[in-house]
Amino acid sequence: REANAAGKLAVLLSIEGGELLSSDPENLSTAAKWGVRCINITWNHANALAGSHIEQPEKGLTPIGTAWIKECDRLNILTDVSHLSDRAFWDLVDITSNPVLATHSNSRAVCGHTRNLTDDMFRAICQTGGIAGLNLYIPFVGGDGSMDALIRHVDHFMELGGAKHLALGGDLDGCAALAGGMKGLEDLHMFWEALSAHGYDDATLEDIFYNNLLRVMEG
């Protein structure tokens, strides 16, 4: 908030894949000192903590993974479940005391990709006070990759009570094509304008584009 008031950009550090910290809970305190606020347990590959959505998807949290989650909670590092196996997701929800983030995952009911969230997963995230970040990458949007296809994910999450639990997720690094003809951050106004034309008011859009994620990060 101070950065925005001063007309500056604010950046939060996150880590995608616990293997970047050697999957060792003892390394989390170092990450916390760096200012890391959020960590994905896995990327696309399974590691010593858990399985991923495509590699060893039957693998839940390991004993080390359980210790990892408890240490993250102690250090107030938020856990990101995007890329995680379904089984590990439910293992995590059972033990964490922090809001759960799925920073770049859409609705599996709308696009049946394993990177996306089932309705029950989204409801569980909402119950923790967490958020799901809308993924703009066409393979996770599905349909014809249009802006309307992306809006269908918003509509579905909102029907599940997601007004205060939906954010922007992007997944902008390394993606070949984004929904609705967007090319990057400079085109997010197109998404806002499409949602506005679809009937969402400014207060709701401000929550999705800014307030919801900020609330979790400040918590």
Protein backbone atom coordinates (compact mmCIF):
# COMPACT_ATOMS: atom_id res chain seq x y z
CA ARG A 1 0.00 0.00 0.00
CA GLU A 2 2.89 2.37 0.77
CA ALA A 3 4.46 1.65 -2.61
CA ASN A 4 1.20 2.30 -4.44
CA ALA A 5 0.62 5.52 -2.54
CA ALA A 6 4.09 6.63 -3.68
CA GLY A 7 3.36 5.72 -7.29
CA LYS A 8 5.70 2.73 -7.23
CA LEU A 9 5.34 -0.94 -8.12
CA ALA A 10 5.44 -3.48 -5.30
CA VAL A 11 6.79 -7.01 -5.83
CA LEU A 12 6.35 -10.04 -3.59
CA LEU A 13 8.83 -12.90 -3.70
CA SER A 14 7.63 -16.45 -4.26
CA ILE A 15 9.28 -19.77 -5.08
CA GLU A 16 7.86 -22.32 -7.52
CA GLY A 17 8.89 -25.80 -6.41
CA GLY A 18 10.20 -26.85 -3.01
CA GLU A 19 13.16 -28.53 -4.70
CA LEU A 20 14.63 -25.06 -5.17
CA LEU A 21 15.13 -25.13 -1.40
CA SER A 22 16.33 -28.76 -1.54
CA SER A 23 12.87 -29.78 -0.23
CA ASP A 24 14.29 -29.22 3.24
CA PRO A 25 12.04 -27.58 5.86
CA GLU A 26 15.14 -26.21 7.59
CA ASN A 27 15.76 -23.96 4.57
CA LEU A 28 12.41 -22.22 4.92
CA SER A 29 13.68 -19.84 7.59
CA THR A 30 16.31 -18.61 5.13
CA ALA A 31 13.62 -18.05 2.50
CA ALA A 32 11.54 -16.13 5.03
CA LYS A 33 14.51 -13.87 5.73
CA TRP A 34 14.77 -13.17 1.99
CA GLY A 35 11.18 -11.96 2.14
CA VAL A 36 9.56 -14.95 0.43
CA ARG A 37 5.81 -14.91 1.14
CA CYS A 38 4.57 -17.81 -0.95
CA ILE A 39 5.94 -21.19 -2.09
CA ASN A 40 4.61 -23.83 -4.47
CA ILE A 41 5.21 -27.27 -2.98
CA THR A 42 5.83 -28.69 -6.46
CA TRP A 43 6.15 -27.50 -10.01
CA ASN A 44 5.32 -30.05 -12.73
CA HIS A 45 7.68 -32.62 -11.23
CA ALA A 46 7.20 -34.68 -8.09
CA ASN A 47 9.74 -34.04 -5.36
CA ALA A 48 10.54 -35.22 -1.83
CA LEU A 49 7.53 -33.28 -0.51
CA ALA A 50 4.68 -34.48 -2.73
CA GLY A 51 3.53 -35.59 -6.15
CA SER A 52 2.56 -33.13 -8.88
CA HIS A 53 -0.49 -33.04 -11.11
CA ILE A 54 1.38 -34.90 -13.88
CA GLU A 55 4.22 -36.75 -12.13
CA GLN A 56 3.27 -39.28 -9.44
CA PRO A 57 -0.23 -37.80 -9.12
CA GLU A 58 -1.16 -40.61 -6.72
CA LYS A 59 1.48 -39.34 -4.26
CA GLY A 60 0.24 -37.18 -1.41
CA LEU A 61 2.29 -35.26 1.12
CA THR A 62 5.24 -37.21 2.42
CA PRO A 63 6.32 -36.99 6.07
CA ILE A 64 8.85 -34.35 4.98
CA GLY A 65 6.07 -32.56 3.11
CA THR A 66 3.94 -32.50 6.25
CA ALA A 67 6.83 -31.02 8.22
CA TRP A 68 7.30 -28.48 5.41
CA ILE A 69 3.69 -27.28 5.64
CA LYS A 70 3.84 -26.93 9.41
CA GLU A 71 7.05 -24.90 9.15
CA CYS A 72 5.53 -22.68 6.46
CA ASP A 73 2.60 -22.03 8.76
CA ARG A 74 4.94 -21.15 11.61
CA LEU A 75 6.88 -18.71 9.43
CA ASN A 76 3.69 -17.27 7.86
CA ILE A 77 4.77 -18.38 4.38
CA LEU A 78 1.67 -19.10 2.31
CA THR A 79 1.40 -22.37 0.42
CA ASP A 80 0.57 -22.40 -3.29
CA VAL A 81 -1.17 -25.57 -4.52
CA SER A 82 -1.04 -24.85 -8.25
CA HIS A 83 0.73 -27.84 -9.90
CA LEU A 84 0.16 -30.06 -6.84
CA SER A 85 -1.36 -33.56 -7.02
CA ASP A 86 -5.00 -33.84 -5.99
CA ARG A 87 -4.13 -36.17 -3.13
CA ALA A 88 -1.48 -33.82 -1.76
CA PHE A 89 -3.94 -30.94 -2.02
CA TRP A 90 -6.33 -32.65 0.37
CA ASP A 91 -3.50 -33.72 2.67
CA LEU A 92 -2.45 -30.06 2.89
CA VAL A 93 -5.94 -28.73 3.54
CA ASP A 94 -6.25 -31.13 6.45
CA ILE A 95 -3.19 -29.76 8.26
CA THR A 96 -2.57 -26.13 7.33
CA SER A 97 -3.72 -23.26 9.51
CA ASN A 98 -3.02 -20.61 6.85
CA PRO A 99 -5.06 -19.47 3.84
CA VAL A 100 -4.37 -21.70 0.84
CA LEU A 101 -3.46 -20.17 -2.52
CA ALA A 102 -3.85 -21.60 -6.00
CA THR A 103 -2.13 -18.69 -7.65
CA HIS A 104 -2.63 -19.74 -11.27
CA SER A 105 -5.37 -22.36 -11.58
CA ASN A 106 -8.78 -22.21 -13.26
CA SER A 107 -11.96 -24.27 -12.89
CA ARG A 108 -11.73 -27.95 -13.81
CA ALA A 109 -15.51 -28.01 -14.33
CA VAL A 110 -15.07 -25.50 -17.16
CA CYS A 111 -11.79 -26.88 -18.55
CA GLY A 112 -10.97 -30.42 -17.47
CA HIS A 113 -7.20 -30.00 -17.14
CA THR A 114 -5.41 -31.45 -14.12
CA ARG A 115 -3.84 -28.03 -13.49
CA ASN A 116 -7.27 -26.68 -12.68
CA LEU A 117 -9.34 -26.92 -9.49
CA THR A 118 -12.38 -29.06 -8.88
CA ASP A 119 -15.39 -27.36 -7.35
CA ASP A 120 -14.68 -29.04 -4.02
CA MET A 121 -11.08 -27.82 -4.11
CA PHE A 122 -12.18 -24.25 -4.74
CA ARG A 123 -14.72 -24.42 -1.93
CA ALA A 124 -12.01 -25.74 0.40
CA ILE A 125 -9.70 -22.87 -0.56
CA CYS A 126 -12.49 -20.39 0.17
CA GLN A 127 -13.05 -21.98 3.58
CA THR A 128 -9.39 -21.37 4.47
CA GLY A 129 -9.75 -17.71 3.48
CA GLY A 130 -7.48 -18.23 0.47
CA ILE A 131 -7.71 -17.35 -3.21
CA ALA A 132 -7.56 -18.85 -6.68
CA GLY A 133 -5.75 -16.83 -9.32
CA LEU A 134 -7.23 -16.93 -12.82
CA ASN A 135 -4.81 -18.49 -15.30
CA LEU A 136 -4.76 -16.73 -18.68
CA TYR A 137 -2.88 -19.47 -20.57
CA ILE A 138 -5.14 -20.89 -23.29
CA PRO A 139 -4.58 -24.63 -22.57
CA PHE A 140 -5.91 -24.06 -19.03
CA VAL A 141 -8.74 -21.79 -20.21
CA GLY A 142 -10.07 -24.27 -22.75
CA GLY A 143 -12.79 -23.77 -25.30
CA ASP A 144 -11.75 -21.52 -28.15
CA GLY A 145 -9.36 -19.53 -25.97
CA SER A 146 -11.47 -16.43 -26.32
CA MET A 147 -12.22 -13.81 -23.69
CA ASP A 148 -15.66 -15.38 -23.33
CA ALA A 149 -14.02 -18.73 -22.54
CA LEU A 150 -11.99 -17.07 -19.79
CA ILE A 151 -15.05 -15.31 -18.39
CA ARG A 152 -16.79 -18.68 -18.05
CA HIS A 153 -14.23 -19.54 -15.35
CA VAL A 154 -15.04 -16.31 -13.52
CA ASP A 155 -18.77 -16.98 -13.73
CA HIS A 156 -18.35 -20.52 -12.41
CA PHE A 157 -16.14 -19.53 -9.49
CA MET A 158 -18.53 -16.72 -8.61
CA GLU A 159 -21.44 -19.18 -8.56
CA LEU A 160 -19.45 -21.14 -5.96
CA GLY A 161 -19.21 -18.09 -3.69
CA GLY A 162 -15.85 -16.86 -4.93
CA ALA A 163 -16.41 -13.10 -4.95
CA LYS A 164 -13.81 -12.56 -2.20
CA HIS A 165 -11.62 -15.50 -3.20
CA LEU A 166 -10.79 -14.83 -6.85
CA ALA A 167 -7.73 -12.98 -8.14
CA LEU A 168 -5.54 -12.62 -11.20
CA GLY A 169 -3.08 -15.46 -11.67
CA GLY A 170 -1.59 -14.76 -15.07
CA ASP A 171 0.96 -17.56 -15.60
CA LEU A 172 2.65 -15.11 -17.94
CA ASP A 173 6.19 -16.52 -17.91
CA GLY A 174 6.88 -18.75 -20.89
CA CYS A 175 3.29 -18.97 -22.14
CA ALA A 176 2.87 -18.98 -25.90
CA ALA A 177 -0.69 -17.66 -26.07
CA LEU A 178 -3.05 -15.94 -23.63
CA ALA A 179 -6.83 -15.91 -23.77
CA GLY A 180 -8.74 -13.22 -25.61
CA GLY A 181 -5.79 -12.02 -27.65
CA MET A 182 -3.96 -10.61 -24.61
CA LYS A 183 -0.18 -10.46 -24.87
CA GLY A 184 0.86 -9.56 -21.33
CA LEU A 185 0.22 -7.26 -18.39
CA GLU A 186 -0.28 -4.33 -20.72
CA ASP A 187 -3.48 -5.95 -21.98
CA LEU A 188 -5.18 -6.73 -18.66
CA HIS A 189 -7.44 -3.73 -19.23
CA MET A 190 -9.04 -5.83 -21.98
CA PHE A 191 -10.04 -8.42 -19.39
CA TRP A 192 -11.45 -5.72 -17.09
CA GLU A 193 -13.43 -4.19 -19.95
CA ALA A 194 -14.81 -7.58 -21.02
CA LEU A 195 -15.88 -8.45 -17.47
CA SER A 196 -17.48 -5.01 -17.10
CA ALA A 197 -19.41 -5.46 -20.34
CA HIS A 198 -20.45 -8.91 -19.07
CA GLY A 199 -22.10 -7.25 -16.07
CA TYR A 200 -19.55 -7.20 -13.24
CA ASP A 201 -19.44 -3.89 -11.33
CA ASP A 202 -16.29 -1.93 -10.54
CA ALA A 203 -16.23 -2.93 -6.86
CA THR A 204 -16.24 -6.63 -7.76
CA LEU A 205 -13.56 -6.12 -10.39
CA GLU A 206 -11.38 -4.17 -7.95
CA ASP A 207 -11.60 -7.14 -5.59
CA ILE A 208 -10.62 -9.61 -8.31
CA PHE A 209 -7.85 -7.45 -9.76
CA TYR A 210 -6.39 -6.24 -6.46
CA ASN A 211 -8.13 -6.40 -3.10
CA ASN A 212 -8.65 -10.13 -2.62
CA LEU A 213 -5.02 -11.11 -2.99
CA LEU A 214 -3.84 -8.10 -1.00
CA ARG A 215 -6.14 -9.09 1.87
CA VAL A 216 -4.59 -12.55 2.03
CA MET A 217 -1.05 -11.23 1.82
CA GLU A 218 -1.69 -8.72 4.60
CA GLY A 219 -3.23 -11.36 6.81
